Amino acid sequence: MTVENFVDLIEEMIDLKLQQHVESHMKPTPEIAAILSEKKMTDARRLKQIRAELIRSLSENAAPTQDLQRV
């Protein structure tokens, strides 16, 4: 994963979290509430995917660093 991809994932995660915060303070109509409920589930899945990608990337890149710290 490139540094640019890593930053893009962080930005996407922040954007999703900000949207969640705003949506949690809304007083939606029943129709909008149904749409937001679906969006919330989709966003939760995407956040989980982003976390997994970031963890995998950091884990792959951390292995050599951990070896250096032991020396």
N, C-alpha and C. Protein backbone atom coordinates (compact mmCIF):
# COMPACT_ATOMS: atom_id res chain seq x y z
N MET A 1 0.86 -1.18 0.00
CA MET A 1 0.00 0.00 0.00
C MET A 1 0.90 1.23 0.00
N THR A 2 0.57 2.16 -0.86
CA THR A 2 1.37 3.38 -0.93
C THR A 2 0.95 4.33 0.20
N VAL A 3 1.78 5.29 0.44
CA VAL A 3 1.49 6.30 1.46
C VAL A 3 0.22 7.06 1.07
N GLU A 4 0.07 7.35 -0.22
CA GLU A 4 -1.11 8.07 -0.68
C GLU A 4 -2.39 7.26 -0.43
N ASN A 5 -2.34 5.95 -0.70
CA ASN A 5 -3.50 5.09 -0.43
C ASN A 5 -3.81 5.06 1.06
N PHE A 6 -2.78 5.01 1.86
CA PHE A 6 -2.95 4.98 3.31
C PHE A 6 -3.66 6.26 3.78
N VAL A 7 -3.20 7.39 3.30
CA VAL A 7 -3.81 8.68 3.66
C VAL A 7 -5.25 8.74 3.16
N ASP A 8 -5.49 8.24 1.96
CA ASP A 8 -6.86 8.22 1.42
C ASP A 8 -7.80 7.42 2.33
N LEU A 9 -7.33 6.29 2.83
CA LEU A 9 -8.16 5.49 3.74
C LEU A 9 -8.44 6.23 5.05
N ILE A 10 -7.43 6.90 5.57
CA ILE A 10 -7.63 7.68 6.80
C ILE A 10 -8.65 8.79 6.55
N GLU A 11 -8.52 9.47 5.42
CA GLU A 11 -9.48 10.54 5.09
C GLU A 11 -10.89 9.99 4.93
N GLU A 12 -11.02 8.84 4.29
CA GLU A 12 -12.35 8.23 4.13
C GLU A 12 -12.94 7.86 5.48
N MET A 13 -12.10 7.33 6.36
CA MET A 13 -12.57 6.95 7.69
C MET A 13 -13.05 8.19 8.46
N ILE A 14 -12.29 9.25 8.39
CA ILE A 14 -12.68 10.49 9.07
C ILE A 14 -13.98 11.03 8.50
N ASP A 15 -14.11 11.00 7.17
CA ASP A 15 -15.34 11.47 6.54
C ASP A 15 -16.55 10.66 7.00
N LEU A 16 -16.41 9.35 7.03
CA LEU A 16 -17.52 8.50 7.49
C LEU A 16 -17.87 8.78 8.95
N LYS A 17 -16.86 8.96 9.76
CA LYS A 17 -17.11 9.25 11.18
C LYS A 17 -17.80 10.59 11.36
N LEU A 18 -17.39 11.60 10.60
CA LEU A 18 -18.05 12.91 10.67
C LEU A 18 -19.51 12.81 10.22
N GLN A 19 -19.75 12.05 9.16
CA GLN A 19 -21.13 11.86 8.71
C GLN A 19 -21.97 11.18 9.79
N GLN A 20 -21.39 10.17 10.43
CA GLN A 20 -22.11 9.48 11.51
C GLN A 20 -22.47 10.45 12.63
N HIS A 21 -21.54 11.31 12.97
CA HIS A 21 -21.77 12.28 14.04
C HIS A 21 -22.92 13.22 13.67
N VAL A 22 -22.87 13.76 12.46
CA VAL A 22 -23.92 14.68 12.00
C VAL A 22 -25.27 13.97 11.97
N GLU A 23 -25.29 12.76 11.42
CA GLU A 23 -26.54 12.02 11.30
C GLU A 23 -27.12 11.66 12.67
N SER A 24 -26.27 11.48 13.66
CA SER A 24 -26.77 11.13 14.99
C SER A 24 -27.49 12.30 15.65
N HIS A 25 -27.27 13.51 15.17
CA HIS A 25 -27.91 14.69 15.74
C HIS A 25 -29.07 15.21 14.89
N MET A 26 -29.42 14.45 13.85
CA MET A 26 -30.52 14.86 12.97
C MET A 26 -31.86 14.41 13.54
N LYS A 27 -32.89 15.09 13.12
CA LYS A 27 -34.27 14.70 13.42
C LYS A 27 -34.95 14.37 12.09
N PRO A 28 -34.63 13.19 11.52
CA PRO A 28 -35.13 12.88 10.17
C PRO A 28 -36.60 12.47 10.14
N THR A 29 -37.18 12.64 8.97
CA THR A 29 -38.53 12.14 8.75
C THR A 29 -38.45 10.61 8.69
N PRO A 30 -39.57 9.91 8.83
CA PRO A 30 -39.52 8.44 8.77
C PRO A 30 -38.89 7.89 7.49
N GLU A 31 -39.13 8.55 6.36
CA GLU A 31 -38.54 8.09 5.10
C GLU A 31 -37.02 8.24 5.13
N ILE A 32 -36.58 9.38 5.58
CA ILE A 32 -35.13 9.63 5.66
C ILE A 32 -34.50 8.71 6.71
N ALA A 33 -35.20 8.46 7.80
CA ALA A 33 -34.68 7.58 8.85
C ALA A 33 -34.40 6.18 8.30
N ALA A 34 -35.28 5.69 7.42
CA ALA A 34 -35.07 4.37 6.83
C ALA A 34 -33.82 4.36 5.96
N ILE A 35 -33.63 5.41 5.18
CA ILE A 35 -32.44 5.52 4.32
C ILE A 35 -31.18 5.62 5.18
N LEU A 36 -31.24 6.42 6.24
CA LEU A 36 -30.08 6.57 7.12
C LEU A 36 -29.74 5.26 7.83
N SER A 37 -30.74 4.48 8.14
CA SER A 37 -30.50 3.18 8.78
C SER A 37 -29.71 2.26 7.85
N GLU A 38 -30.10 2.22 6.58
CA GLU A 38 -29.36 1.43 5.60
C GLU A 38 -27.94 1.97 5.42
N LYS A 39 -27.83 3.29 5.36
CA LYS A 39 -26.52 3.92 5.20
C LYS A 39 -25.62 3.60 6.39
N LYS A 40 -26.20 3.59 7.57
CA LYS A 40 -25.43 3.30 8.78
C LYS A 40 -24.82 1.90 8.71
N MET A 41 -25.59 0.94 8.23
CA MET A 41 -25.08 -0.43 8.10
C MET A 41 -23.98 -0.51 7.05
N THR A 42 -24.18 0.17 5.93
CA THR A 42 -23.18 0.19 4.86
C THR A 42 -21.89 0.86 5.35
N ASP A 43 -22.04 1.98 6.04
CA ASP A 43 -20.88 2.71 6.57
C ASP A 43 -20.12 1.86 7.59
N ALA A 44 -20.86 1.14 8.42
CA ALA A 44 -20.21 0.30 9.43
C ALA A 44 -19.37 -0.79 8.75
N ARG A 45 -19.91 -1.38 7.69
CA ARG A 45 -19.15 -2.39 6.94
C ARG A 45 -17.90 -1.77 6.31
N ARG A 46 -18.04 -0.58 5.74
CA ARG A 46 -16.89 0.07 5.10
C ARG A 46 -15.84 0.44 6.14
N LEU A 47 -16.26 0.93 7.30
CA LEU A 47 -15.30 1.26 8.35
C LEU A 47 -14.53 0.01 8.79
N LYS A 48 -15.23 -1.09 8.86
CA LYS A 48 -14.58 -2.35 9.25
C LYS A 48 -13.56 -2.76 8.19
N GLN A 49 -13.90 -2.58 6.91
CA GLN A 49 -12.96 -2.89 5.84
C GLN A 49 -11.74 -1.98 5.89
N ILE A 50 -11.97 -0.71 6.12
CA ILE A 50 -10.86 0.25 6.19
C ILE A 50 -9.93 -0.12 7.35
N ARG A 51 -10.51 -0.41 8.50
CA ARG A 51 -9.69 -0.80 9.65
C ARG A 51 -8.83 -2.01 9.32
N ALA A 52 -9.44 -3.01 8.69
CA ALA A 52 -8.70 -4.22 8.34
C ALA A 52 -7.55 -3.90 7.38
N GLU A 53 -7.81 -3.05 6.38
CA GLU A 53 -6.77 -2.67 5.43
C GLU A 53 -5.63 -1.92 6.12
N LEU A 54 -5.98 -1.00 7.01
CA LEU A 54 -4.95 -0.24 7.72
C LEU A 54 -4.14 -1.14 8.65
N ILE A 55 -4.82 -2.02 9.35
CA ILE A 55 -4.11 -2.94 10.25
C ILE A 55 -3.17 -3.84 9.47
N ARG A 56 -3.67 -4.38 8.34
CA ARG A 56 -2.82 -5.25 7.51
C ARG A 56 -1.60 -4.48 7.01
N SER A 57 -1.81 -3.26 6.57
CA SER A 57 -0.70 -2.45 6.06
C SER A 57 0.32 -2.15 7.15
N LEU A 58 -0.18 -1.75 8.30
CA LEU A 58 0.73 -1.43 9.41
C LEU A 58 1.44 -2.68 9.92
N SER A 59 0.76 -3.80 9.93
CA SER A 59 1.38 -5.05 10.39
C SER A 59 2.50 -5.49 9.44
N GLU A 60 2.24 -5.36 8.14
CA GLU A 60 3.26 -5.73 7.15
C GLU A 60 4.48 -4.83 7.26
N ASN A 61 4.26 -3.56 7.49
CA ASN A 61 5.36 -2.59 7.55
C ASN A 61 6.02 -2.57 8.91
N ALA A 62 5.38 -3.07 9.94
CA ALA A 62 5.93 -3.01 11.29
C ALA A 62 6.91 -4.14 11.56
N ALA A 63 6.83 -5.24 10.84
CA ALA A 63 7.68 -6.39 11.12
C ALA A 63 9.17 -6.05 11.10
N PRO A 64 9.70 -5.39 10.07
CA PRO A 64 11.13 -5.04 10.10
C PRO A 64 11.48 -4.09 11.23
N THR A 65 10.60 -3.18 11.55
CA THR A 65 10.85 -2.22 12.63
C THR A 65 10.96 -2.94 13.96
N GLN A 66 10.11 -3.93 14.19
CA GLN A 66 10.15 -4.67 15.43
C GLN A 66 11.48 -5.41 15.56
N ASP A 67 11.98 -5.97 14.45
CA ASP A 67 13.27 -6.65 14.48
C ASP A 67 14.40 -5.68 14.83
N LEU A 68 14.35 -4.47 14.31
CA LEU A 68 15.38 -3.47 14.60
C LEU A 68 15.35 -3.04 16.05
N GLN A 69 14.19 -2.98 16.64
CA GLN A 69 14.07 -2.55 18.03
C GLN A 69 14.66 -3.56 19.00
N ARG A 70 14.71 -4.81 18.62
CA ARG A 70 15.25 -5.86 19.49
C ARG A 70 16.77 -5.83 19.56
N VAL A 71 17.40 -5.22 18.55
CA VAL A 71 18.87 -5.22 18.47
C VAL A 71 19.48 -4.29 19.47
